[in-house]
C-alpha cells in the first residue's frame, strides 16, 4: 500500500493549532479517498496520538511512541511487536522508551 506521510510541522502544533488540525484532517481524508494509507510524523504526546487516531490516521511515528534505541534493544522490540505499533489499539507498549 502506498502511504502519504504528514510532516511533523503539521502534527506538532496539535491539538491547539486549528489551522494544523484542518490540514491534517483534510490530508487524511483525501489520502483515504485516493486509496492511500497515512502516517503522522512527529507524535510527541498522547493527546496528539489520540487526535490523529480519531481523525482516521493509519500509522504514527514519533518520540511518544518510541525513541531512538541501540540496535539490540531495537531487535528485541521488533521481535516483540513484529515491527508495528498499532495506532488504533496502542498495541505493543514495550515500544515506549
N, C-alpha and C. Protein backbone atom coordinates (compact mmCIF):
# COMPACT_ATOMS: atom_id res chain seq x y z
N UNK A 1 0.84 -1.18 0.00
CA UNK A 1 0.00 0.00 0.00
C UNK A 1 0.89 1.24 0.00
N UNK A 2 0.55 2.19 -0.82
CA UNK A 2 1.24 3.47 -0.82
C UNK A 2 0.79 4.28 0.39
N UNK A 3 1.72 5.09 0.91
CA UNK A 3 1.44 5.84 2.12
C UNK A 3 1.81 7.31 1.93
N UNK A 4 0.95 8.18 2.43
CA UNK A 4 1.22 9.61 2.48
C UNK A 4 1.72 9.92 3.88
N UNK A 5 2.83 10.63 4.00
CA UNK A 5 3.36 10.99 5.31
C UNK A 5 3.05 12.45 5.59
N UNK A 6 2.45 12.70 6.75
CA UNK A 6 2.17 14.08 7.16
C UNK A 6 3.35 14.57 7.98
N UNK A 7 3.98 15.63 7.52
CA UNK A 7 5.18 16.16 8.14
C UNK A 7 4.90 16.63 9.57
N UNK A 8 5.92 16.48 10.41
CA UNK A 8 5.79 16.87 11.81
C UNK A 8 5.47 18.35 11.99
N UNK A 9 5.76 19.17 11.00
CA UNK A 9 5.43 20.60 11.08
C UNK A 9 3.94 20.82 11.21
N UNK A 10 3.13 19.89 10.71
CA UNK A 10 1.68 19.98 10.83
C UNK A 10 1.16 19.24 12.05
N UNK A 11 1.91 18.25 12.53
CA UNK A 11 1.48 17.44 13.66
C UNK A 11 1.80 18.11 14.99
N UNK A 12 2.98 18.70 15.10
CA UNK A 12 3.41 19.24 16.38
C UNK A 12 2.55 20.38 16.93
N UNK A 13 1.91 21.21 16.11
CA UNK A 13 1.02 22.22 16.68
C UNK A 13 -0.28 21.66 17.27
N UNK A 14 -0.57 20.38 17.00
CA UNK A 14 -1.79 19.78 17.55
C UNK A 14 -1.65 19.64 19.06
N UNK A 15 -2.68 19.77 19.83
CA UNK A 15 -4.06 19.95 19.46
C UNK A 15 -4.50 21.41 19.37
N UNK A 16 -3.67 22.33 19.80
CA UNK A 16 -4.09 23.74 19.89
C UNK A 16 -4.22 24.41 18.52
N UNK A 17 -3.41 24.01 17.55
CA UNK A 17 -3.38 24.68 16.26
C UNK A 17 -4.57 24.34 15.38
N UNK A 18 -5.54 25.23 15.31
CA UNK A 18 -6.74 24.99 14.49
C UNK A 18 -6.38 24.79 13.03
N UNK A 19 -5.50 25.63 12.49
CA UNK A 19 -5.11 25.51 11.09
C UNK A 19 -4.47 24.16 10.82
N UNK A 20 -3.57 23.75 11.70
CA UNK A 20 -2.90 22.46 11.54
C UNK A 20 -3.91 21.33 11.62
N UNK A 21 -4.87 21.43 12.50
CA UNK A 21 -5.89 20.39 12.66
C UNK A 21 -6.68 20.22 11.36
N UNK A 22 -7.04 21.32 10.73
CA UNK A 22 -7.79 21.24 9.47
C UNK A 22 -6.95 20.63 8.35
N UNK A 23 -5.69 21.01 8.29
CA UNK A 23 -4.79 20.46 7.26
C UNK A 23 -4.61 18.96 7.45
N UNK A 24 -4.37 18.54 8.69
CA UNK A 24 -4.17 17.11 8.97
C UNK A 24 -5.44 16.33 8.65
N UNK A 25 -6.58 16.81 9.09
CA UNK A 25 -7.84 16.13 8.84
C UNK A 25 -8.11 16.02 7.34
N UNK A 26 -7.89 17.10 6.60
CA UNK A 26 -8.12 17.09 5.15
C UNK A 26 -7.15 16.15 4.45
N UNK A 27 -5.91 16.13 4.89
CA UNK A 27 -4.90 15.25 4.28
C UNK A 27 -5.25 13.79 4.48
N UNK A 28 -5.69 13.45 5.69
CA UNK A 28 -6.08 12.06 5.96
C UNK A 28 -7.28 11.68 5.10
N UNK A 29 -8.27 12.53 5.06
CA UNK A 29 -9.48 12.25 4.28
C UNK A 29 -9.17 12.09 2.80
N UNK A 30 -8.41 13.01 2.24
CA UNK A 30 -8.07 12.95 0.82
C UNK A 30 -7.22 11.72 0.51
N UNK A 31 -6.26 11.42 1.37
CA UNK A 31 -5.41 10.25 1.15
C UNK A 31 -6.22 8.97 1.11
N UNK A 32 -7.16 8.85 2.04
CA UNK A 32 -8.00 7.65 2.06
C UNK A 32 -8.88 7.57 0.81
N UNK A 33 -9.39 8.71 0.36
CA UNK A 33 -10.20 8.70 -0.87
C UNK A 33 -9.38 8.26 -2.08
N UNK A 34 -8.07 8.53 -2.03
CA UNK A 34 -7.18 8.12 -3.11
C UNK A 34 -6.67 6.69 -2.92
N UNK A 35 -7.12 6.03 -1.87
CA UNK A 35 -6.72 4.65 -1.62
C UNK A 35 -5.35 4.51 -1.00
N UNK A 36 -4.89 5.54 -0.33
CA UNK A 36 -3.56 5.54 0.27
C UNK A 36 -3.68 5.52 1.79
N UNK A 37 -2.67 4.94 2.44
CA UNK A 37 -2.58 4.99 3.89
C UNK A 37 -1.94 6.31 4.31
N UNK A 38 -2.00 6.59 5.61
CA UNK A 38 -1.45 7.84 6.13
C UNK A 38 -0.63 7.56 7.38
N UNK A 39 0.57 8.15 7.43
CA UNK A 39 1.40 8.10 8.63
C UNK A 39 1.65 9.52 9.12
N UNK A 40 1.44 9.74 10.41
CA UNK A 40 1.69 11.04 11.04
C UNK A 40 3.07 11.00 11.66
N UNK A 41 3.90 11.94 11.28
CA UNK A 41 5.28 12.02 11.77
C UNK A 41 5.35 13.06 12.89
N UNK A 42 6.11 12.77 13.94
CA UNK A 42 6.35 13.76 14.99
C UNK A 42 5.35 13.71 16.14
N UNK A 43 4.80 12.53 16.41
CA UNK A 43 3.87 12.39 17.54
C UNK A 43 4.69 12.44 18.83
N UNK A 44 4.44 13.47 19.63
CA UNK A 44 5.22 13.65 20.86
C UNK A 44 4.36 13.69 22.12
N UNK A 45 3.06 13.44 21.98
CA UNK A 45 2.19 13.41 23.16
C UNK A 45 1.03 12.45 22.91
N UNK A 46 0.46 11.96 24.00
CA UNK A 46 -0.70 11.09 23.88
C UNK A 46 -1.87 11.85 23.27
N UNK A 47 -1.98 13.13 23.59
CA UNK A 47 -3.07 13.95 23.05
C UNK A 47 -3.00 14.01 21.52
N UNK A 48 -1.79 14.22 20.98
CA UNK A 48 -1.62 14.26 19.52
C UNK A 48 -1.91 12.89 18.91
N UNK A 49 -1.46 11.83 19.58
CA UNK A 49 -1.72 10.48 19.09
C UNK A 49 -3.23 10.21 19.03
N UNK A 50 -3.94 10.57 20.08
CA UNK A 50 -5.39 10.37 20.10
C UNK A 50 -6.09 11.18 19.01
N UNK A 51 -5.64 12.41 18.79
CA UNK A 51 -6.26 13.25 17.76
C UNK A 51 -6.11 12.64 16.37
N UNK A 52 -4.87 12.26 16.01
CA UNK A 52 -4.69 11.70 14.66
C UNK A 52 -5.39 10.36 14.52
N UNK A 53 -5.43 9.59 15.61
CA UNK A 53 -6.17 8.32 15.57
C UNK A 53 -7.65 8.58 15.34
N UNK A 54 -8.21 9.56 16.07
CA UNK A 54 -9.63 9.88 15.91
C UNK A 54 -9.94 10.43 14.52
N UNK A 55 -8.95 11.05 13.87
CA UNK A 55 -9.14 11.55 12.51
C UNK A 55 -9.04 10.43 11.47
N UNK A 56 -8.61 9.24 11.90
CA UNK A 56 -8.53 8.10 10.99
C UNK A 56 -7.15 7.81 10.45
N UNK A 57 -6.12 8.42 11.04
CA UNK A 57 -4.75 8.17 10.60
C UNK A 57 -4.41 6.69 10.82
N UNK A 58 -3.67 6.11 9.87
CA UNK A 58 -3.36 4.69 9.92
C UNK A 58 -2.13 4.34 10.75
N UNK A 59 -1.10 5.16 10.66
CA UNK A 59 0.16 4.89 11.34
C UNK A 59 0.70 6.18 11.94
N UNK A 60 1.57 6.02 12.93
CA UNK A 60 2.18 7.19 13.55
C UNK A 60 3.60 6.87 13.96
N UNK A 61 4.41 7.91 14.01
CA UNK A 61 5.78 7.75 14.49
C UNK A 61 6.16 9.00 15.26
N UNK A 62 7.04 8.83 16.22
CA UNK A 62 7.49 9.97 17.00
C UNK A 62 7.98 9.54 18.36
N UNK A 63 8.55 10.47 19.10
CA UNK A 63 9.15 10.17 20.40
C UNK A 63 8.14 9.64 21.41
N UNK A 64 6.88 9.99 21.29
CA UNK A 64 5.88 9.46 22.22
C UNK A 64 5.74 7.95 22.06
N UNK A 65 5.93 7.47 20.86
CA UNK A 65 5.77 6.05 20.56
C UNK A 65 7.06 5.30 20.84
N UNK A 66 8.17 5.87 20.44
CA UNK A 66 9.45 5.22 20.68
C UNK A 66 10.61 6.14 20.32
N UNK A 67 11.59 6.18 21.19
CA UNK A 67 12.78 6.99 20.95
C UNK A 67 13.85 6.13 20.28
N UNK A 68 14.84 6.78 19.69
CA UNK A 68 15.95 6.00 19.12
C UNK A 68 16.57 5.11 20.21
N UNK A 69 16.90 3.89 19.84
CA UNK A 69 17.46 2.93 20.80
C UNK A 69 18.65 2.21 20.17
N UNK A 70 19.49 1.61 21.01
CA UNK A 70 20.59 0.78 20.48
C UNK A 70 20.04 -0.40 19.67
N UNK A 71 20.87 -0.90 18.78
CA UNK A 71 20.44 -1.97 17.87
C UNK A 71 19.87 -3.18 18.59
N UNK A 72 20.50 -3.62 19.69
CA UNK A 72 19.99 -4.80 20.41
C UNK A 72 18.59 -4.55 20.97
N UNK A 73 18.36 -3.35 21.50
CA UNK A 73 17.03 -3.02 22.02
C UNK A 73 16.00 -2.98 20.89
N UNK A 74 16.42 -2.46 19.74
CA UNK A 74 15.51 -2.42 18.60
C UNK A 74 15.12 -3.83 18.17
N UNK A 75 16.10 -4.73 18.11
CA UNK A 75 15.81 -6.10 17.69
C UNK A 75 14.85 -6.78 18.66
N UNK A 76 15.01 -6.52 19.95
CA UNK A 76 14.10 -7.07 20.95
C UNK A 76 12.69 -6.51 20.74
N UNK A 77 12.57 -5.20 20.56
CA UNK A 77 11.27 -4.58 20.32
C UNK A 77 10.64 -5.14 19.04
N UNK A 78 11.45 -5.23 18.01
CA UNK A 78 10.94 -5.72 16.73
C UNK A 78 10.41 -7.14 16.88
N UNK A 79 11.12 -7.97 17.64
CA UNK A 79 10.66 -9.34 17.87
C UNK A 79 9.36 -9.38 18.66
N UNK A 80 9.23 -8.51 19.66
CA UNK A 80 8.02 -8.47 20.48
C UNK A 80 6.82 -7.93 19.71
N UNK A 81 7.05 -6.92 18.89
CA UNK A 81 5.94 -6.21 18.24
C UNK A 81 5.83 -6.49 16.75
N UNK A 82 6.69 -7.34 16.24
CA UNK A 82 6.72 -7.61 14.81
C UNK A 82 6.87 -6.33 14.00
N UNK A 83 7.54 -5.33 14.60
CA UNK A 83 7.83 -4.10 13.88
C UNK A 83 6.69 -3.12 13.77
N UNK A 84 5.59 -3.37 14.48
CA UNK A 84 4.42 -2.50 14.33
C UNK A 84 3.95 -1.98 15.69
N UNK A 85 3.44 -0.77 15.68
CA UNK A 85 2.77 -0.18 16.82
C UNK A 85 1.43 0.27 16.30
N UNK A 86 0.37 -0.36 16.74
CA UNK A 86 -0.94 -0.05 16.22
C UNK A 86 -1.46 1.25 16.78
N UNK A 87 -1.77 2.19 15.91
CA UNK A 87 -2.29 3.48 16.33
C UNK A 87 -3.70 3.33 16.89
N UNK A 88 -4.45 2.33 16.44
CA UNK A 88 -5.84 2.20 16.88
C UNK A 88 -5.96 1.53 18.23
N UNK A 89 -5.02 0.65 18.57
CA UNK A 89 -5.14 -0.08 19.83
C UNK A 89 -3.99 0.21 20.79
N UNK A 90 -3.03 1.01 20.36
CA UNK A 90 -1.83 1.29 21.16
C UNK A 90 -1.16 -0.02 21.57
N UNK A 91 -1.11 -0.95 20.62
CA UNK A 91 -0.50 -2.25 20.88
C UNK A 91 1.00 -2.13 21.04
N UNK A 92 1.56 -3.07 21.72
CA UNK A 92 2.99 -3.18 21.98
C UNK A 92 3.54 -1.99 22.75
N UNK A 93 3.06 -1.76 23.97
CA UNK A 93 3.53 -0.63 24.76
C UNK A 93 5.00 -0.75 25.13
N UNK A 94 5.61 -1.91 24.94
CA UNK A 94 7.04 -2.04 25.21
C UNK A 94 7.86 -1.13 24.31
N UNK A 95 7.25 -0.59 23.25
CA UNK A 95 7.99 0.25 22.31
C UNK A 95 8.32 1.61 22.88
N UNK A 96 7.68 2.00 23.96
CA UNK A 96 7.95 3.33 24.56
C UNK A 96 9.19 3.27 25.42
N UNK A 97 10.10 4.19 25.19
CA UNK A 97 11.34 4.25 25.99
C UNK A 97 11.47 5.63 26.58
